[in-house]
């Protein structure tokens, strides 16, 4: 199945299955991340759109624990950077309608929570097709080791994601039902 067909089917299934705003368990996630000493790390999150798994409660709890959090800001050429953010800060909608933080302090997250459209058992993912996260993961891998975690609904798992040399593999995927690593 092509990426575009997978994308279409997965987005529709995600919308159908997420009518009740399903969330991942914050404390289960933090317990898992404890082995990575997350309290001293910078987290890169995302603002959920289009029925993506809502992680705002996880980011809020991290912030309550004095952990630095950030959100992406898109740039030209399907590029992006992450900027420090507080859950109390005002967000500005970008050209795609996605809320972004103001460009105050650019950071490189140590742990990246990545939205996705589909994933497979080999930890490959597809997003919306712009390559934003693939480019970002490749760029940051030259700077430091980043823990790349896909966040998804369990219904988004497929048998096989077609991938090429530009597609970046995740370190794990967390769903509302299980963790794949």
N, C-alpha and C. Protein backbone atom coordinates (compact mmCIF):
# COMPACT_ATOMS: atom_id res chain seq x y z
N UNK A 1 0.84 -1.18 0.00
CA UNK A 1 0.00 0.00 0.00
C UNK A 1 0.89 1.25 0.00
N UNK A 2 0.55 2.24 -0.75
CA UNK A 2 1.35 3.46 -0.85
C UNK A 2 1.23 4.29 0.44
N UNK A 3 2.21 5.17 0.66
CA UNK A 3 2.16 6.05 1.83
C UNK A 3 0.92 6.93 1.81
N UNK A 4 0.57 7.45 0.65
CA UNK A 4 -0.57 8.36 0.60
C UNK A 4 -1.88 7.63 0.92
N UNK A 5 -2.03 6.40 0.47
CA UNK A 5 -3.23 5.63 0.79
C UNK A 5 -3.24 5.26 2.28
N UNK A 6 -2.08 4.84 2.80
CA UNK A 6 -1.96 4.55 4.23
C UNK A 6 -2.33 5.78 5.06
N UNK A 7 -1.82 6.93 4.65
CA UNK A 7 -2.07 8.19 5.35
C UNK A 7 -3.58 8.48 5.38
N UNK A 8 -4.20 8.38 4.23
CA UNK A 8 -5.64 8.65 4.11
C UNK A 8 -6.45 7.72 5.03
N UNK A 9 -6.17 6.42 4.96
CA UNK A 9 -6.91 5.44 5.76
C UNK A 9 -6.66 5.64 7.26
N UNK A 10 -5.41 5.89 7.63
CA UNK A 10 -5.07 6.03 9.05
C UNK A 10 -5.66 7.28 9.67
N UNK A 11 -5.66 8.39 8.94
CA UNK A 11 -6.25 9.62 9.47
C UNK A 11 -7.75 9.44 9.68
N UNK A 12 -8.42 8.81 8.73
CA UNK A 12 -9.86 8.57 8.89
C UNK A 12 -10.15 7.61 10.04
N UNK A 13 -9.35 6.57 10.19
CA UNK A 13 -9.54 5.64 11.30
C UNK A 13 -9.28 6.32 12.64
N UNK A 14 -8.23 7.13 12.69
CA UNK A 14 -7.91 7.85 13.93
C UNK A 14 -9.06 8.77 14.32
N UNK A 15 -9.63 9.45 13.36
CA UNK A 15 -10.76 10.35 13.62
C UNK A 15 -11.95 9.56 14.16
N UNK A 16 -12.24 8.43 13.55
CA UNK A 16 -13.36 7.59 13.96
C UNK A 16 -13.15 7.05 15.38
N UNK A 17 -11.94 6.58 15.66
CA UNK A 17 -11.66 5.94 16.95
C UNK A 17 -11.47 6.93 18.09
N UNK A 18 -11.16 8.18 17.78
CA UNK A 18 -10.83 9.14 18.84
C UNK A 18 -11.97 10.10 19.13
N UNK A 19 -13.18 9.66 19.05
CA UNK A 19 -14.32 10.52 19.37
C UNK A 19 -14.39 10.87 20.86
N UNK A 20 -13.71 10.08 21.70
CA UNK A 20 -13.77 10.30 23.15
C UNK A 20 -12.50 10.96 23.68
N UNK A 21 -11.66 11.54 22.81
CA UNK A 21 -10.42 12.20 23.22
C UNK A 21 -9.57 11.27 24.09
N UNK A 22 -9.21 10.14 23.55
CA UNK A 22 -8.37 9.15 24.24
C UNK A 22 -7.02 9.77 24.56
N UNK A 23 -6.52 9.50 25.76
CA UNK A 23 -5.22 10.05 26.17
C UNK A 23 -4.33 8.93 26.68
N UNK A 24 -3.02 9.19 26.59
CA UNK A 24 -2.08 8.25 27.19
C UNK A 24 -1.99 8.56 28.68
N UNK A 25 -1.61 7.58 29.45
CA UNK A 25 -1.50 7.73 30.90
C UNK A 25 -0.19 8.46 31.21
N UNK A 26 -0.31 9.66 31.74
CA UNK A 26 0.84 10.51 32.04
C UNK A 26 1.84 9.81 32.94
N UNK A 27 1.36 9.21 34.01
CA UNK A 27 2.27 8.63 34.99
C UNK A 27 2.94 7.36 34.48
N UNK A 28 2.27 6.63 33.61
CA UNK A 28 2.89 5.46 32.98
C UNK A 28 4.04 5.91 32.08
N UNK A 29 3.81 6.99 31.34
CA UNK A 29 4.85 7.53 30.46
C UNK A 29 6.04 8.02 31.28
N UNK A 30 5.77 8.78 32.34
CA UNK A 30 6.86 9.31 33.16
C UNK A 30 7.62 8.21 33.88
N UNK A 31 6.92 7.17 34.29
CA UNK A 31 7.59 6.03 34.93
C UNK A 31 8.53 5.35 33.93
N UNK A 32 8.08 5.21 32.70
CA UNK A 32 8.92 4.63 31.65
C UNK A 32 10.16 5.50 31.40
N UNK A 33 9.96 6.80 31.37
CA UNK A 33 11.06 7.72 31.04
C UNK A 33 12.01 7.97 32.21
N UNK A 34 11.64 7.50 33.39
CA UNK A 34 12.49 7.69 34.57
C UNK A 34 13.90 7.11 34.34
N UNK A 35 13.99 6.01 33.61
CA UNK A 35 15.30 5.41 33.36
C UNK A 35 16.19 6.28 32.47
N UNK A 36 15.59 7.29 31.83
CA UNK A 36 16.36 8.23 31.01
C UNK A 36 16.64 9.52 31.77
N UNK A 37 16.37 9.53 33.09
CA UNK A 37 16.59 10.69 33.95
C UNK A 37 16.00 11.95 33.31
N UNK A 38 14.73 11.87 33.01
CA UNK A 38 14.06 12.93 32.24
C UNK A 38 14.02 14.28 32.95
N UNK A 39 14.19 14.31 34.26
CA UNK A 39 14.05 15.57 34.98
C UNK A 39 15.11 16.61 34.57
N UNK A 40 16.21 16.15 34.01
CA UNK A 40 17.27 17.06 33.60
C UNK A 40 17.30 17.25 32.08
N UNK A 41 16.26 16.82 31.40
CA UNK A 41 16.23 16.87 29.94
C UNK A 41 15.29 17.96 29.45
N UNK A 42 15.45 18.28 28.17
CA UNK A 42 14.51 19.17 27.49
C UNK A 42 13.60 18.30 26.64
N UNK A 43 12.30 18.48 26.82
CA UNK A 43 11.32 17.72 26.04
C UNK A 43 10.84 18.55 24.86
N UNK A 44 10.72 17.91 23.72
CA UNK A 44 10.06 18.49 22.56
C UNK A 44 8.72 17.82 22.42
N UNK A 45 7.67 18.59 22.45
CA UNK A 45 6.33 18.04 22.32
C UNK A 45 5.68 18.53 21.04
N UNK A 46 4.38 18.48 21.01
CA UNK A 46 3.63 18.98 19.87
C UNK A 46 2.25 19.40 20.35
N UNK A 47 1.62 20.28 19.63
CA UNK A 47 0.25 20.67 19.92
C UNK A 47 -0.65 19.80 19.05
N UNK A 48 -1.51 18.97 19.64
CA UNK A 48 -2.29 18.00 18.86
C UNK A 48 -3.32 18.65 17.93
N UNK A 49 -3.36 18.15 16.72
CA UNK A 49 -4.35 18.58 15.72
C UNK A 49 -4.93 17.34 15.06
N UNK A 50 -6.03 17.48 14.39
CA UNK A 50 -6.57 16.42 13.53
C UNK A 50 -6.66 15.06 14.22
N UNK A 51 -7.12 15.07 15.47
CA UNK A 51 -7.33 13.84 16.26
C UNK A 51 -6.03 13.12 16.63
N UNK A 52 -4.90 13.83 16.64
CA UNK A 52 -3.66 13.24 17.14
C UNK A 52 -3.82 12.97 18.63
N UNK A 53 -3.00 12.06 19.14
CA UNK A 53 -3.03 11.76 20.57
C UNK A 53 -2.69 13.04 21.34
N UNK A 54 -3.57 13.41 22.25
CA UNK A 54 -3.37 14.63 23.04
C UNK A 54 -2.33 14.38 24.13
N UNK A 55 -1.24 15.15 24.09
CA UNK A 55 -0.19 15.01 25.10
C UNK A 55 -0.04 16.27 25.95
N UNK A 56 -0.95 17.20 25.83
CA UNK A 56 -0.82 18.46 26.57
C UNK A 56 -0.78 18.23 28.08
N UNK A 57 -1.52 17.23 28.57
CA UNK A 57 -1.49 16.91 30.00
C UNK A 57 -0.12 16.37 30.43
N UNK A 58 0.55 15.65 29.55
CA UNK A 58 1.91 15.15 29.84
C UNK A 58 2.87 16.33 29.92
N UNK A 59 2.79 17.24 28.95
CA UNK A 59 3.66 18.42 28.95
C UNK A 59 3.42 19.28 30.19
N UNK A 60 2.16 19.42 30.59
CA UNK A 60 1.82 20.20 31.78
C UNK A 60 2.44 19.57 33.03
N UNK A 61 2.35 18.24 33.14
CA UNK A 61 2.93 17.56 34.30
C UNK A 61 4.45 17.70 34.30
N UNK A 62 5.08 17.60 33.14
CA UNK A 62 6.52 17.81 33.06
C UNK A 62 6.88 19.21 33.52
N UNK A 63 6.13 20.19 33.05
CA UNK A 63 6.38 21.57 33.46
C UNK A 63 6.18 21.74 34.97
N UNK A 64 5.16 21.10 35.53
CA UNK A 64 4.93 21.15 36.99
C UNK A 64 6.13 20.59 37.75
N UNK A 65 6.84 19.65 37.13
CA UNK A 65 8.03 19.06 37.74
C UNK A 65 9.30 19.83 37.40
N UNK A 66 9.13 21.02 36.84
CA UNK A 66 10.24 21.93 36.49
C UNK A 66 11.11 21.41 35.34
N UNK A 67 10.52 20.56 34.50
CA UNK A 67 11.21 20.07 33.31
C UNK A 67 10.99 21.09 32.20
N UNK A 68 12.02 21.35 31.41
CA UNK A 68 11.91 22.28 30.28
C UNK A 68 11.15 21.60 29.15
N UNK A 69 10.15 22.32 28.62
CA UNK A 69 9.38 21.78 27.50
C UNK A 69 9.45 22.75 26.32
N UNK A 70 9.23 22.21 25.12
CA UNK A 70 9.30 23.03 23.91
C UNK A 70 8.32 22.50 22.88
N UNK A 71 8.03 23.36 21.90
CA UNK A 71 7.16 23.00 20.78
C UNK A 71 7.85 23.40 19.49
N UNK A 72 7.47 22.75 18.37
CA UNK A 72 8.09 23.09 17.09
C UNK A 72 7.53 24.36 16.47
N UNK A 73 8.40 25.02 15.72
CA UNK A 73 8.02 26.15 14.88
C UNK A 73 8.49 25.81 13.47
N UNK A 74 7.55 25.79 12.53
CA UNK A 74 7.92 25.42 11.15
C UNK A 74 8.56 26.61 10.44
N UNK A 75 9.45 26.26 9.50
CA UNK A 75 10.17 27.26 8.71
C UNK A 75 9.99 26.92 7.23
N UNK A 76 10.66 27.67 6.40
CA UNK A 76 10.62 27.39 4.96
C UNK A 76 11.27 26.05 4.65
N UNK A 77 10.98 25.52 3.49
CA UNK A 77 11.57 24.26 3.00
C UNK A 77 11.27 23.07 3.90
N UNK A 78 10.08 23.04 4.50
CA UNK A 78 9.66 21.93 5.37
C UNK A 78 10.66 21.66 6.50
N UNK A 79 11.24 22.71 7.02
CA UNK A 79 12.19 22.63 8.12
C UNK A 79 11.50 23.12 9.38
N UNK A 80 12.04 22.79 10.54
CA UNK A 80 11.49 23.29 11.79
C UNK A 80 12.56 23.30 12.86
N UNK A 81 12.31 24.07 13.90
CA UNK A 81 13.13 24.11 15.11
C UNK A 81 12.18 24.10 16.30
N UNK A 82 12.74 23.79 17.46
CA UNK A 82 11.95 23.78 18.68
C UNK A 82 12.31 24.98 19.53
N UNK A 83 11.26 25.55 20.16
CA UNK A 83 11.44 26.71 21.02
C UNK A 83 10.85 26.43 22.39
N UNK A 84 11.56 26.89 23.41
CA UNK A 84 11.10 26.72 24.78
C UNK A 84 9.69 27.28 24.90
N UNK A 85 8.87 26.58 25.68
CA UNK A 85 7.47 26.94 25.81
C UNK A 85 6.99 26.64 27.22
N UNK A 86 6.03 27.40 27.68
CA UNK A 86 5.31 27.13 28.92
C UNK A 86 3.84 26.95 28.56
N UNK A 87 3.17 26.12 29.31
CA UNK A 87 1.74 25.91 29.04
C UNK A 87 0.92 27.17 29.31
N UNK A 88 1.54 28.16 29.93
CA UNK A 88 0.87 29.45 30.17
C UNK A 88 1.11 30.45 29.04
N UNK A 89 2.02 30.14 28.12
CA UNK A 89 2.35 31.06 27.02
C UNK A 89 1.27 31.08 25.95
N UNK A 90 1.14 32.22 25.31
CA UNK A 90 0.24 32.36 24.18
C UNK A 90 0.87 31.69 22.96
N UNK A 91 0.05 31.01 22.18
CA UNK A 91 0.51 30.36 20.96
C UNK A 91 -0.03 31.12 19.75
N UNK A 92 0.70 31.03 18.65
CA UNK A 92 0.32 31.70 17.40
C UNK A 92 0.12 30.63 16.34
N UNK A 93 -0.99 30.69 15.61
CA UNK A 93 -1.26 29.70 14.54
C UNK A 93 -0.35 29.95 13.35
N UNK A 94 0.27 28.87 12.85
CA UNK A 94 1.11 28.99 11.65
C UNK A 94 0.25 28.86 10.39
N UNK A 95 0.90 28.80 9.24
CA UNK A 95 0.15 28.75 7.97
C UNK A 95 -0.68 27.49 7.81
N UNK A 96 -0.39 26.44 8.59
CA UNK A 96 -1.17 25.20 8.56
C UNK A 96 -2.27 25.20 9.62
N UNK A 97 -2.34 26.28 10.42
CA UNK A 97 -3.32 26.36 11.50
C UNK A 97 -2.87 25.66 12.77
N UNK A 98 -1.58 25.31 12.86
CA UNK A 98 -1.04 24.62 14.03
C UNK A 98 -0.50 25.67 15.01
N UNK A 99 -0.92 25.62 16.28
CA UNK A 99 -0.40 26.56 17.26
C UNK A 99 1.09 26.36 17.51
N UNK A 100 1.84 27.47 17.51
CA UNK A 100 3.29 27.45 17.74
C UNK A 100 3.66 28.48 18.80
N UNK A 101 4.76 28.23 19.52
CA UNK A 101 5.22 29.21 20.50
C UNK A 101 5.91 30.38 19.80
N UNK A 102 6.08 31.46 20.55
CA UNK A 102 6.85 32.58 20.03
C UNK A 102 8.32 32.17 19.99
N UNK A 103 9.06 32.74 19.08
CA UNK A 103 10.47 32.38 18.90
C UNK A 103 11.33 33.15 19.91
N UNK A 104 11.39 32.63 21.14
CA UNK A 104 12.18 33.29 22.18
C UNK A 104 13.51 32.57 22.39
N UNK A 105 13.44 31.30 22.76
CA UNK A 105 14.66 30.55 23.07
C UNK A 105 14.65 29.23 22.30
N UNK A 106 15.48 29.15 21.26
CA UNK A 106 15.57 27.92 20.49
C UNK A 106 16.32 26.88 21.31
N UNK A 107 15.82 25.64 21.28
CA UNK A 107 16.43 24.54 22.03
C UNK A 107 16.51 23.31 21.14
N UNK A 108 17.35 22.38 21.53
CA UNK A 108 17.40 21.07 20.89
C UNK A 108 16.96 20.06 21.95
N UNK A 109 15.76 19.51 21.82
CA UNK A 109 15.26 18.58 22.84
C UNK A 109 16.14 17.34 22.97
N UNK A 110 16.14 16.80 24.18
CA UNK A 110 16.82 15.53 24.45
C UNK A 110 15.86 14.37 24.22
N UNK A 111 14.58 14.64 24.46
CA UNK A 111 13.51 13.65 24.27
C UNK A 111 12.45 14.31 23.41
N UNK A 112 12.14 13.66 22.30
CA UNK A 112 11.20 14.22 21.34
C UNK A 112 9.95 13.35 21.27
N UNK A 113 8.80 13.94 21.56
CA UNK A 113 7.51 13.26 21.45
C UNK A 113 6.94 13.63 20.08
N UNK A 114 6.76 12.63 19.23
CA UNK A 114 6.47 12.87 17.82
C UNK A 114 5.08 12.35 17.45
N UNK A 115 4.25 13.22 16.90
CA UNK A 115 2.95 12.74 16.42
C UNK A 115 3.15 11.95 15.13
N UNK A 116 2.22 11.08 14.84
CA UNK A 116 2.35 10.31 13.61
C UNK A 116 0.99 9.91 13.09
N UNK A 117 0.99 9.49 11.84
CA UNK A 117 -0.24 9.04 11.20
C UNK A 117 -0.33 7.52 11.26
N UNK A 118 0.77 6.83 11.00
CA UNK A 118 0.84 5.36 11.09
C UNK A 118 2.23 4.95 11.54
N UNK A 119 2.32 3.75 12.11
CA UNK A 119 3.61 3.18 12.50
C UNK A 119 3.54 1.67 12.33
N UNK A 120 4.73 1.05 12.32
CA UNK A 120 4.77 -0.41 12.23
C UNK A 120 5.66 -0.98 13.32
N UNK A 121 5.74 -2.31 13.40
CA UNK A 121 6.50 -2.98 14.45
C UNK A 121 7.99 -2.70 14.36
N UNK A 122 8.46 -2.23 13.21
CA UNK A 122 9.88 -1.90 13.03
C UNK A 122 10.20 -0.47 13.42
N UNK A 123 9.21 0.24 13.96
CA UNK A 123 9.35 1.61 14.45
C UNK A 123 9.55 2.65 13.35
N UNK A 124 9.04 2.33 12.15
CA UNK A 124 8.98 3.35 11.11
C UNK A 124 7.62 4.03 11.22
N UNK A 125 7.56 5.27 10.76
CA UNK A 125 6.34 6.06 10.87
C UNK A 125 6.09 6.80 9.57
N UNK A 126 4.85 7.20 9.40
CA UNK A 126 4.56 8.20 8.38
C UNK A 126 3.79 9.31 9.08
N UNK A 127 4.03 10.52 8.60
CA UNK A 127 3.32 11.68 9.10
C UNK A 127 2.42 12.20 7.99
N UNK A 128 2.31 13.50 7.92
CA UNK A 128 1.43 14.11 6.93
C UNK A 128 2.07 14.25 5.55
N UNK A 129 3.33 13.88 5.42
CA UNK A 129 3.97 13.85 4.10
C UNK A 129 4.92 14.98 3.80
N UNK A 130 5.12 15.90 4.74
CA UNK A 130 6.03 17.02 4.51
C UNK A 130 7.47 16.74 4.87
N UNK A 131 7.72 15.68 5.62
CA UNK A 131 9.07 15.33 6.01
C UNK A 131 9.66 16.19 7.12
N UNK A 132 8.84 16.98 7.80
CA UNK A 132 9.33 17.88 8.85
C UNK A 132 10.11 17.12 9.93
N UNK A 133 9.50 16.07 10.48
CA UNK A 133 10.16 15.34 11.57
C UNK A 133 11.35 14.53 11.07
N UNK A 134 11.26 13.95 9.88
CA UNK A 134 12.40 13.21 9.34
C UNK A 134 13.61 14.14 9.20
N UNK A 135 13.40 15.34 8.69
CA UNK A 135 14.49 16.30 8.55
C UNK A 135 15.03 16.72 9.92
N UNK A 136 14.11 16.94 10.86
CA UNK A 136 14.55 17.39 12.18
C UNK A 136 15.35 16.29 12.90
N UNK A 137 14.87 15.06 12.83
CA UNK A 137 15.59 13.95 13.47
C UNK A 137 16.98 13.81 12.85
N UNK A 138 17.06 13.88 11.54
CA UNK A 138 18.37 13.78 10.87
C UNK A 138 19.29 14.92 11.31
N UNK A 139 18.76 16.13 11.36
CA UNK A 139 19.56 17.31 11.73
C UNK A 139 20.08 17.19 13.17
N UNK A 140 19.21 16.81 14.10
CA UNK A 140 19.63 16.75 15.50
C UNK A 140 20.53 15.56 15.79
N UNK A 141 20.43 14.50 14.98
CA UNK A 141 21.30 13.33 15.21
C UNK A 141 22.76 13.68 15.00
N UNK A 142 23.03 14.76 14.28
CA UNK A 142 24.41 15.23 14.08
C UNK A 142 24.90 16.05 15.26
N UNK A 143 23.97 16.48 16.12
CA UNK A 143 24.33 17.33 17.26
C UNK A 143 24.43 16.55 18.57
N UNK A 144 23.49 15.62 18.78
CA UNK A 144 23.47 14.84 20.02
C UNK A 144 22.50 13.67 19.88
N UNK A 145 22.54 12.77 20.83
CA UNK A 145 21.61 11.63 20.85
C UNK A 145 20.29 12.11 21.42
N UNK A 146 19.24 11.98 20.61
CA UNK A 146 17.89 12.36 21.02
C UNK A 146 17.04 11.10 21.07
N UNK A 147 16.25 10.96 22.12
CA UNK A 147 15.32 9.84 22.23
C UNK A 147 14.05 10.23 21.48
N UNK A 148 13.79 9.54 20.36
CA UNK A 148 12.66 9.86 19.48
C UNK A 148 11.51 8.90 19.75
N UNK A 149 10.43 9.45 20.33
CA UNK A 149 9.30 8.64 20.76
C UNK A 149 8.06 9.02 19.95
N UNK A 150 7.52 8.07 19.22
CA UNK A 150 6.28 8.29 18.52
C UNK A 150 5.11 8.16 19.48
N UNK A 151 4.13 9.03 19.33
CA UNK A 151 2.93 8.99 20.16
C UNK A 151 1.74 8.72 19.23
N UNK A 152 0.98 7.67 19.52
CA UNK A 152 -0.07 7.28 18.59
C UNK A 152 -1.21 6.57 19.32
N UNK A 153 -2.29 6.43 18.62
CA UNK A 153 -3.39 5.56 19.05
C UNK A 153 -3.02 4.16 18.59
N UNK A 154 -3.37 3.16 19.36
CA UNK A 154 -3.04 1.78 18.99
C UNK A 154 -3.61 1.40 17.63
N UNK A 155 -4.73 2.00 17.25
CA UNK A 155 -5.36 1.67 15.96
C UNK A 155 -4.54 2.17 14.77
N UNK A 156 -3.49 2.95 15.00
CA UNK A 156 -2.67 3.49 13.92
C UNK A 156 -1.56 2.54 13.48
N UNK A 157 -1.41 1.43 14.18
CA UNK A 157 -0.38 0.46 13.81
C UNK A 157 -0.80 -0.27 12.54
N UNK A 158 0.14 -0.40 11.61
CA UNK A 158 -0.09 -1.13 10.37
C UNK A 158 0.97 -2.22 10.24
N UNK A 159 0.77 -3.13 9.31
CA UNK A 159 1.71 -4.25 9.15
C UNK A 159 3.08 -3.78 8.69
N UNK A 160 3.09 -2.88 7.70
CA UNK A 160 4.38 -2.47 7.15
C UNK A 160 4.30 -1.05 6.61
N UNK A 161 5.25 -0.23 7.00
CA UNK A 161 5.37 1.13 6.46
C UNK A 161 6.40 1.10 5.34
N UNK A 162 6.04 1.51 4.14
CA UNK A 162 7.06 1.62 3.09
C UNK A 162 7.99 2.77 3.45
N UNK A 163 9.30 2.54 3.38
CA UNK A 163 10.24 3.59 3.76
C UNK A 163 11.37 3.69 2.76
N UNK A 164 12.04 4.85 2.80
CA UNK A 164 13.19 5.07 1.94
C UNK A 164 14.32 5.68 2.76
N UNK A 165 15.38 6.11 2.10
CA UNK A 165 16.57 6.58 2.81
C UNK A 165 16.33 7.84 3.62
N UNK A 166 15.26 8.57 3.35
CA UNK A 166 14.97 9.81 4.08
C UNK A 166 14.16 9.57 5.35
N UNK A 167 13.51 8.43 5.45
CA UNK A 167 12.65 8.14 6.59
C UNK A 167 13.48 7.74 7.81
N UNK A 168 13.18 8.37 8.93
CA UNK A 168 13.92 8.14 10.17
C UNK A 168 13.14 7.21 11.08
N UNK A 169 13.85 6.24 11.63
CA UNK A 169 13.25 5.27 12.53
C UNK A 169 13.11 5.87 13.93
N UNK A 170 12.06 5.48 14.65
CA UNK A 170 11.84 5.93 16.02
C UNK A 170 12.56 5.00 16.99
N UNK A 171 12.73 5.46 18.23
CA UNK A 171 13.29 4.61 19.28
C UNK A 171 12.20 3.80 19.97
N UNK A 172 11.00 4.35 20.01
CA UNK A 172 9.85 3.64 20.59
C UNK A 172 8.57 4.34 20.18
N UNK A 173 7.47 3.64 20.36
CA UNK A 173 6.13 4.22 20.14
C UNK A 173 5.32 3.95 21.39
N UNK A 174 4.65 4.99 21.88
CA UNK A 174 3.77 4.86 23.03
C UNK A 174 2.34 5.09 22.56
N UNK A 175 1.47 4.14 22.90
CA UNK A 175 0.03 4.28 22.60
C UNK A 175 -0.73 4.26 23.92
N UNK A 176 -2.04 4.41 23.83
CA UNK A 176 -2.86 4.36 25.04
C UNK A 176 -2.90 2.93 25.62
N UNK A 177 -2.49 1.93 24.83
CA UNK A 177 -2.58 0.52 25.28
C UNK A 177 -1.23 -0.14 25.54
N UNK A 178 -0.18 0.27 24.82
CA UNK A 178 1.10 -0.42 24.95
C UNK A 178 2.26 0.46 24.52
N UNK A 179 3.46 -0.06 24.79
CA UNK A 179 4.70 0.59 24.39
C UNK A 179 5.44 -0.37 23.49
N UNK A 180 5.87 0.12 22.35
CA UNK A 180 6.62 -0.69 21.38
C UNK A 180 8.04 -0.14 21.32
N UNK A 181 9.02 -1.01 21.59
CA UNK A 181 10.42 -0.57 21.50
C UNK A 181 11.30 -1.66 20.95
